[in-house]
């Protein structure tokens, strides 16, 4: 296996790590206990995976509406999708909590 091939095999892993580190702020935990840090870690993974699913569905829709003459393949903005997911989930949880009180 060539080094070029190995480089391109690791690229998706590097991209996901960069997303978790920079967009989810995975290295900046607000919790003080090991339990709270573990919870933050897993919620960030869940949020990242949910946003990847939404982005994939959006990309499929964009591809289905693609015009034949387009030079480039359009994609959903990953940072935008992640930001909207954070907003939506926070509102959903807050609404659910307020309805129980």
N, C-alpha and C. Protein backbone atom coordinates (compact mmCIF):
# COMPACT_ATOMS: atom_id res chain seq x y z
N UNK A 1 0.84 -1.17 0.00
CA UNK A 1 0.00 0.00 0.00
C UNK A 1 0.89 1.24 0.00
N UNK A 2 0.57 2.18 -0.85
CA UNK A 2 1.39 3.39 -0.97
C UNK A 2 1.02 4.39 0.12
N UNK A 3 1.94 5.30 0.36
CA UNK A 3 1.68 6.34 1.37
C UNK A 3 0.55 7.26 0.90
N UNK A 4 0.43 7.46 -0.39
CA UNK A 4 -0.65 8.29 -0.93
C UNK A 4 -2.01 7.65 -0.62
N UNK A 5 -2.09 6.35 -0.82
CA UNK A 5 -3.33 5.64 -0.55
C UNK A 5 -3.66 5.67 0.94
N UNK A 6 -2.65 5.50 1.78
CA UNK A 6 -2.86 5.57 3.23
C UNK A 6 -3.35 6.94 3.66
N UNK A 7 -2.78 7.98 3.05
CA UNK A 7 -3.18 9.35 3.38
C UNK A 7 -4.67 9.55 3.10
N UNK A 8 -5.11 9.10 1.94
CA UNK A 8 -6.51 9.30 1.58
C UNK A 8 -7.45 8.39 2.38
N UNK A 9 -6.93 7.28 2.89
CA UNK A 9 -7.75 6.42 3.75
C UNK A 9 -7.98 7.06 5.12
N UNK A 10 -7.03 7.84 5.60
CA UNK A 10 -7.18 8.44 6.93
C UNK A 10 -7.91 9.78 6.88
N UNK A 11 -8.12 10.33 5.70
CA UNK A 11 -8.72 11.65 5.58
C UNK A 11 -10.10 11.76 6.24
N UNK A 12 -11.02 10.80 6.06
CA UNK A 12 -12.32 10.91 6.74
C UNK A 12 -12.19 10.94 8.27
N UNK A 13 -11.22 10.22 8.80
CA UNK A 13 -11.00 10.21 10.25
C UNK A 13 -10.50 11.58 10.71
N UNK A 14 -9.56 12.15 9.96
CA UNK A 14 -9.05 13.49 10.28
C UNK A 14 -10.17 14.52 10.23
N UNK A 15 -11.03 14.42 9.23
CA UNK A 15 -12.14 15.37 9.08
C UNK A 15 -13.09 15.28 10.26
N UNK A 16 -13.43 14.07 10.66
CA UNK A 16 -14.35 13.89 11.78
C UNK A 16 -13.73 14.40 13.08
N UNK A 17 -12.45 14.13 13.29
CA UNK A 17 -11.77 14.62 14.49
C UNK A 17 -11.76 16.15 14.50
N UNK A 18 -11.48 16.75 13.35
CA UNK A 18 -11.48 18.22 13.26
C UNK A 18 -12.85 18.79 13.57
N UNK A 19 -13.90 18.14 13.07
CA UNK A 19 -15.26 18.59 13.35
C UNK A 19 -15.55 18.50 14.85
N UNK A 20 -15.21 17.38 15.45
CA UNK A 20 -15.47 17.22 16.88
C UNK A 20 -14.66 18.21 17.72
N UNK A 21 -13.43 18.44 17.32
CA UNK A 21 -12.55 19.33 18.08
C UNK A 21 -12.95 20.79 17.94
N UNK A 22 -13.21 21.24 16.73
CA UNK A 22 -13.42 22.67 16.49
C UNK A 22 -14.89 23.08 16.54
N UNK A 23 -15.77 22.29 15.97
CA UNK A 23 -17.17 22.70 15.93
C UNK A 23 -17.94 22.27 17.17
N UNK A 24 -17.62 21.10 17.70
CA UNK A 24 -18.30 20.63 18.92
C UNK A 24 -17.54 21.02 20.18
N UNK A 25 -16.37 21.61 20.02
CA UNK A 25 -15.52 22.02 21.14
C UNK A 25 -15.30 20.85 22.10
N UNK A 26 -14.92 19.72 21.52
CA UNK A 26 -14.79 18.49 22.29
C UNK A 26 -13.69 18.55 23.34
N UNK A 27 -12.69 19.38 23.15
CA UNK A 27 -11.60 19.45 24.11
C UNK A 27 -11.84 20.47 25.22
N UNK A 28 -12.99 21.14 25.19
CA UNK A 28 -13.31 22.15 26.19
C UNK A 28 -14.54 21.70 26.98
N UNK A 29 -14.32 20.92 28.00
CA UNK A 29 -15.43 20.40 28.80
C UNK A 29 -15.79 21.40 29.89
N UNK A 30 -17.09 21.52 30.16
CA UNK A 30 -17.52 22.44 31.21
C UNK A 30 -17.73 21.71 32.54
N UNK A 31 -17.83 20.40 32.50
CA UNK A 31 -18.06 19.62 33.72
C UNK A 31 -16.80 19.48 34.55
N UNK A 32 -17.00 19.24 35.83
CA UNK A 32 -15.85 19.09 36.74
C UNK A 32 -15.62 17.64 37.13
N UNK A 33 -16.64 16.81 37.01
CA UNK A 33 -16.50 15.41 37.40
C UNK A 33 -16.30 14.53 36.17
N UNK A 34 -15.78 13.35 36.40
CA UNK A 34 -15.56 12.44 35.28
C UNK A 34 -16.89 12.03 34.63
N UNK A 35 -17.94 11.93 35.42
CA UNK A 35 -19.26 11.58 34.88
C UNK A 35 -19.78 12.67 33.95
N UNK A 36 -19.66 13.93 34.37
CA UNK A 36 -20.16 15.03 33.53
C UNK A 36 -19.33 15.16 32.25
N UNK A 37 -18.04 14.93 32.33
CA UNK A 37 -17.19 14.99 31.13
C UNK A 37 -17.56 13.85 30.18
N UNK A 38 -17.80 12.68 30.73
CA UNK A 38 -18.21 11.54 29.89
C UNK A 38 -19.56 11.82 29.22
N UNK A 39 -20.49 12.43 29.95
CA UNK A 39 -21.78 12.78 29.37
C UNK A 39 -21.62 13.79 28.25
N UNK A 40 -20.79 14.81 28.45
CA UNK A 40 -20.53 15.80 27.40
C UNK A 40 -19.93 15.15 26.16
N UNK A 41 -19.00 14.24 26.39
CA UNK A 41 -18.36 13.54 25.27
C UNK A 41 -19.40 12.79 24.44
N UNK A 42 -20.25 12.03 25.11
CA UNK A 42 -21.23 11.22 24.38
C UNK A 42 -22.33 12.07 23.74
N UNK A 43 -22.74 13.15 24.37
CA UNK A 43 -23.75 14.01 23.74
C UNK A 43 -23.17 14.69 22.50
N UNK A 44 -21.89 15.04 22.55
CA UNK A 44 -21.26 15.62 21.37
C UNK A 44 -21.15 14.60 20.23
N UNK A 45 -20.85 13.35 20.56
CA UNK A 45 -20.83 12.31 19.53
C UNK A 45 -22.22 12.10 18.94
N UNK A 46 -23.23 12.08 19.80
CA UNK A 46 -24.60 11.92 19.33
C UNK A 46 -25.00 13.08 18.43
N UNK A 47 -24.70 14.29 18.87
CA UNK A 47 -25.02 15.48 18.08
C UNK A 47 -24.31 15.45 16.73
N UNK A 48 -23.06 15.06 16.73
CA UNK A 48 -22.29 14.97 15.50
C UNK A 48 -22.88 13.94 14.55
N UNK A 49 -23.25 12.78 15.08
CA UNK A 49 -23.84 11.74 14.25
C UNK A 49 -25.21 12.12 13.71
N UNK A 50 -26.03 12.76 14.55
CA UNK A 50 -27.34 13.22 14.08
C UNK A 50 -27.20 14.26 12.98
N UNK A 51 -26.27 15.18 13.16
CA UNK A 51 -26.09 16.21 12.13
C UNK A 51 -25.52 15.60 10.85
N UNK A 52 -24.70 14.56 10.96
CA UNK A 52 -24.20 13.87 9.77
C UNK A 52 -25.34 13.20 9.01
N UNK A 53 -26.31 12.65 9.75
CA UNK A 53 -27.47 12.03 9.10
C UNK A 53 -28.32 13.08 8.39
N UNK A 54 -28.53 14.23 9.03
CA UNK A 54 -29.31 15.30 8.42
C UNK A 54 -28.58 15.84 7.19
N UNK A 55 -27.26 16.02 7.30
CA UNK A 55 -26.48 16.50 6.17
C UNK A 55 -26.54 15.52 5.00
N UNK A 56 -26.46 14.24 5.30
CA UNK A 56 -26.53 13.22 4.25
C UNK A 56 -27.87 13.28 3.52
N UNK A 57 -28.95 13.43 4.28
CA UNK A 57 -30.28 13.54 3.67
C UNK A 57 -30.39 14.81 2.83
N UNK A 58 -29.84 15.91 3.34
CA UNK A 58 -29.85 17.17 2.58
C UNK A 58 -29.02 17.05 1.31
N UNK A 59 -27.87 16.39 1.40
CA UNK A 59 -27.02 16.20 0.22
C UNK A 59 -27.73 15.34 -0.83
N UNK A 60 -28.46 14.32 -0.38
CA UNK A 60 -29.22 13.49 -1.32
C UNK A 60 -30.29 14.31 -2.04
N UNK A 61 -30.95 15.19 -1.28
CA UNK A 61 -31.98 16.04 -1.89
C UNK A 61 -31.35 17.02 -2.88
N UNK A 62 -30.22 17.59 -2.51
CA UNK A 62 -29.51 18.50 -3.41
C UNK A 62 -29.09 17.77 -4.68
N UNK A 63 -28.58 16.54 -4.53
CA UNK A 63 -28.17 15.75 -5.69
C UNK A 63 -29.34 15.43 -6.60
N UNK A 64 -30.51 15.15 -6.01
CA UNK A 64 -31.67 14.80 -6.82
C UNK A 64 -32.19 16.00 -7.62
N UNK A 65 -31.90 17.21 -7.15
CA UNK A 65 -32.34 18.42 -7.84
C UNK A 65 -31.24 19.04 -8.70
N UNK A 66 -30.15 18.32 -8.82
CA UNK A 66 -29.00 18.84 -9.56
C UNK A 66 -29.32 18.98 -11.04
N UNK A 67 -28.90 20.09 -11.59
CA UNK A 67 -29.08 20.33 -13.02
C UNK A 67 -27.92 19.71 -13.77
N UNK A 68 -28.19 19.26 -14.96
CA UNK A 68 -27.19 18.53 -15.75
C UNK A 68 -25.96 19.38 -16.06
N UNK A 69 -26.13 20.66 -16.27
CA UNK A 69 -25.01 21.51 -16.65
C UNK A 69 -24.15 22.01 -15.51
N UNK A 70 -24.50 21.69 -14.27
CA UNK A 70 -23.73 22.18 -13.12
C UNK A 70 -22.31 21.63 -13.15
N UNK A 71 -21.38 22.50 -12.91
CA UNK A 71 -19.97 22.09 -12.95
C UNK A 71 -19.54 21.42 -11.65
N UNK A 72 -20.09 21.88 -10.54
CA UNK A 72 -19.68 21.37 -9.23
C UNK A 72 -20.85 20.70 -8.53
N UNK A 73 -20.51 19.83 -7.60
CA UNK A 73 -21.51 19.17 -6.77
C UNK A 73 -21.74 20.04 -5.52
N UNK A 74 -22.96 20.49 -5.35
CA UNK A 74 -23.28 21.29 -4.18
C UNK A 74 -23.52 20.37 -2.99
N UNK A 75 -23.21 20.89 -1.78
CA UNK A 75 -23.39 20.13 -0.55
C UNK A 75 -23.95 21.05 0.53
N UNK A 76 -24.60 20.44 1.50
CA UNK A 76 -25.07 21.19 2.65
C UNK A 76 -23.86 21.62 3.49
N UNK A 77 -23.97 22.76 4.13
CA UNK A 77 -22.89 23.27 4.97
C UNK A 77 -22.90 22.54 6.31
N UNK A 78 -21.84 21.79 6.58
CA UNK A 78 -21.76 20.96 7.79
C UNK A 78 -21.84 21.81 9.06
N UNK A 79 -21.16 22.94 9.10
CA UNK A 79 -21.18 23.79 10.29
C UNK A 79 -22.58 24.36 10.53
N UNK A 80 -23.27 24.74 9.45
CA UNK A 80 -24.63 25.26 9.58
C UNK A 80 -25.57 24.19 10.13
N UNK A 81 -25.47 22.98 9.57
CA UNK A 81 -26.32 21.87 10.02
C UNK A 81 -26.07 21.59 11.50
N UNK A 82 -24.82 21.55 11.91
CA UNK A 82 -24.48 21.28 13.31
C UNK A 82 -25.02 22.39 14.22
N UNK A 83 -24.88 23.63 13.81
CA UNK A 83 -25.40 24.75 14.60
C UNK A 83 -26.91 24.70 14.75
N UNK A 84 -27.61 24.38 13.67
CA UNK A 84 -29.07 24.27 13.73
C UNK A 84 -29.51 23.09 14.60
N UNK A 85 -28.74 22.00 14.54
CA UNK A 85 -29.07 20.84 15.38
C UNK A 85 -28.92 21.21 16.86
N UNK A 86 -27.85 21.92 17.20
CA UNK A 86 -27.66 22.36 18.59
C UNK A 86 -28.84 23.22 19.03
N UNK A 87 -29.23 24.17 18.18
CA UNK A 87 -30.34 25.07 18.49
C UNK A 87 -31.63 24.29 18.67
N UNK A 88 -31.92 23.39 17.74
CA UNK A 88 -33.16 22.63 17.77
C UNK A 88 -33.23 21.73 19.00
N UNK A 89 -32.16 21.01 19.28
CA UNK A 89 -32.16 20.08 20.42
C UNK A 89 -32.29 20.84 21.74
N UNK A 90 -31.61 21.98 21.86
CA UNK A 90 -31.73 22.79 23.09
C UNK A 90 -33.16 23.26 23.29
N UNK A 91 -33.82 23.73 22.21
CA UNK A 91 -35.21 24.18 22.31
C UNK A 91 -36.14 23.01 22.63
N UNK A 92 -35.87 21.88 22.02
CA UNK A 92 -36.70 20.69 22.25
C UNK A 92 -36.61 20.24 23.70
N UNK A 93 -35.41 20.19 24.25
CA UNK A 93 -35.22 19.77 25.64
C UNK A 93 -35.85 20.80 26.59
N UNK A 94 -35.64 22.09 26.32
CA UNK A 94 -36.20 23.13 27.18
C UNK A 94 -37.73 23.08 27.16
N UNK A 95 -38.30 22.84 26.00
CA UNK A 95 -39.76 22.75 25.90
C UNK A 95 -40.28 21.54 26.66
N UNK A 96 -39.58 20.42 26.53
CA UNK A 96 -39.99 19.20 27.22
C UNK A 96 -39.90 19.38 28.73
N UNK A 97 -38.86 20.04 29.20
CA UNK A 97 -38.69 20.26 30.64
C UNK A 97 -39.76 21.21 31.16
N UNK A 98 -40.05 22.28 30.43
CA UNK A 98 -41.04 23.26 30.90
C UNK A 98 -42.44 22.67 30.91
N UNK A 99 -42.73 21.72 30.03
CA UNK A 99 -44.06 21.12 30.03
C UNK A 99 -44.25 20.15 31.20
N UNK A 100 -43.16 19.67 31.78
CA UNK A 100 -43.25 18.75 32.92
C UNK A 100 -43.40 19.50 34.24
N UNK A 101 -43.06 20.78 34.27
CA UNK A 101 -43.10 21.54 35.53
C UNK A 101 -44.50 21.98 35.89
